[in-house]
């Protein structure tokens, strides 16, 4: 099972989602969308989070392809991989707080 998961992650990493995902200020307020649609990456991920199966998404949104859905997942994975969390120690009360930053 682990080898299957590693294989899927490896394939997703190798895929170039930039040919399928774009961010344009004229479309969806600049949110990343599937190219040539107004369907945002966030929306597709929300459907998956809500338990929709890929086949259901493709049936309901025929302009999408399975590769588009994989590109959305790959895009999200890349963004999550770029975020770092840094602990900060404040001198006045010696408490730790954390900040996060998207590193590119």
Protein backbone atom coordinates (compact mmCIF):
# COMPACT_ATOMS: atom_id res chain seq x y z
CA UNK A 1 0.00 0.00 0.00
CA UNK A 2 2.79 2.43 0.89
CA UNK A 3 4.50 1.81 -2.44
CA UNK A 4 1.28 2.68 -4.25
CA UNK A 5 0.98 5.94 -2.30
CA UNK A 6 4.62 6.79 -2.99
CA UNK A 7 4.06 6.09 -6.68
CA UNK A 8 1.02 8.38 -6.81
CA UNK A 9 2.89 11.17 -4.99
CA UNK A 10 5.85 10.74 -7.31
CA UNK A 11 3.62 10.96 -10.37
CA UNK A 12 1.87 14.05 -9.01
CA UNK A 13 5.22 15.71 -8.34
CA UNK A 14 6.43 15.01 -11.87
CA UNK A 15 3.26 16.36 -13.47
CA UNK A 16 3.39 19.93 -14.62
CA UNK A 17 0.20 21.55 -13.36
CA UNK A 18 1.17 24.96 -14.74
CA UNK A 19 -0.17 23.94 -18.14
CA UNK A 20 -3.59 23.41 -16.54
CA UNK A 21 -3.78 25.98 -13.72
CA UNK A 22 -3.66 29.75 -14.11
CA UNK A 23 -4.19 32.82 -11.96
CA UNK A 24 -5.53 35.87 -13.78
CA UNK A 25 -6.84 38.98 -11.99
CA UNK A 26 -9.63 39.14 -14.57
CA UNK A 27 -10.96 35.69 -13.63
CA UNK A 28 -12.33 34.71 -10.21
CA UNK A 29 -10.63 37.66 -8.49
CA UNK A 30 -7.21 36.24 -9.33
CA UNK A 31 -7.72 32.90 -7.61
CA UNK A 32 -6.02 29.95 -9.32
CA UNK A 33 -8.45 28.33 -11.76
CA UNK A 34 -8.40 25.48 -14.22
CA UNK A 35 -7.35 27.03 -17.54
CA UNK A 36 -10.13 27.95 -19.96
CA UNK A 37 -12.72 27.63 -17.17
CA UNK A 38 -13.86 29.74 -14.26
CA UNK A 39 -13.60 26.75 -11.92
CA UNK A 40 -11.20 27.52 -9.09
CA UNK A 41 -8.70 25.11 -7.57
CA UNK A 42 -10.28 25.91 -4.21
CA UNK A 43 -13.70 24.83 -5.51
CA UNK A 44 -12.41 21.51 -6.87
CA UNK A 45 -10.60 20.79 -3.60
CA UNK A 46 -13.78 21.65 -1.70
CA UNK A 47 -15.74 19.12 -3.73
CA UNK A 48 -13.16 16.44 -2.98
CA UNK A 49 -13.17 17.40 0.70
CA UNK A 50 -16.96 17.09 0.73
CA UNK A 51 -16.62 13.50 -0.45
CA UNK A 52 -17.36 13.88 -4.15
CA UNK A 53 -15.82 11.16 -6.28
CA UNK A 54 -13.80 12.17 -9.32
CA UNK A 55 -16.40 10.59 -11.60
CA UNK A 56 -19.15 12.68 -9.98
CA UNK A 57 -17.15 15.88 -10.49
CA UNK A 58 -16.47 15.03 -14.12
CA UNK A 59 -20.15 14.27 -14.74
CA UNK A 60 -21.34 17.49 -13.09
CA UNK A 61 -18.60 19.68 -14.61
CA UNK A 62 -17.95 18.23 -18.10
CA UNK A 63 -15.37 20.92 -18.96
CA UNK A 64 -13.03 19.35 -16.38
CA UNK A 65 -10.84 16.34 -17.03
CA UNK A 66 -9.24 13.90 -14.63
CA UNK A 67 -5.90 15.58 -15.36
CA UNK A 68 -7.40 18.93 -14.32
CA UNK A 69 -8.44 17.48 -10.97
CA UNK A 70 -4.98 15.96 -10.46
CA UNK A 71 -3.46 19.33 -11.37
CA UNK A 72 -5.56 20.99 -8.63
CA UNK A 73 -4.32 18.46 -6.08
CA UNK A 74 -0.74 18.87 -7.27
CA UNK A 75 -1.03 22.66 -7.09
CA UNK A 76 -2.29 22.48 -3.49
CA UNK A 77 0.46 20.03 -2.55
CA UNK A 78 3.09 22.40 -3.91
CA UNK A 79 1.69 25.32 -1.94
CA UNK A 80 1.56 23.33 1.29
CA UNK A 81 5.15 22.22 0.71
CA UNK A 82 6.29 25.84 0.49
CA UNK A 83 4.92 26.96 3.86
CA UNK A 84 7.22 27.11 6.85
CA UNK A 85 6.39 27.85 10.50
CA UNK A 86 8.86 29.82 12.58
CA UNK A 87 8.72 30.06 16.41
CA UNK A 88 9.30 33.53 17.83
CA UNK A 89 10.37 34.23 21.39
CA UNK A 90 9.16 37.57 22.71
CA UNK A 91 11.47 39.24 25.23
CA UNK A 92 8.77 40.91 27.32
CA UNK A 93 6.91 37.81 28.45
CA UNK A 94 9.17 34.96 27.22
CA UNK A 95 6.26 33.28 25.51
CA UNK A 96 6.53 31.54 22.20
CA UNK A 97 4.33 32.46 19.28
CA UNK A 98 4.43 31.14 15.80
CA UNK A 99 4.25 32.82 12.43
CA UNK A 100 3.95 31.15 9.09
CA UNK A 101 5.25 32.28 5.77
CA UNK A 102 4.93 31.09 2.22
CA UNK A 103 8.47 30.66 0.94
CA UNK A 104 8.94 30.55 -2.82
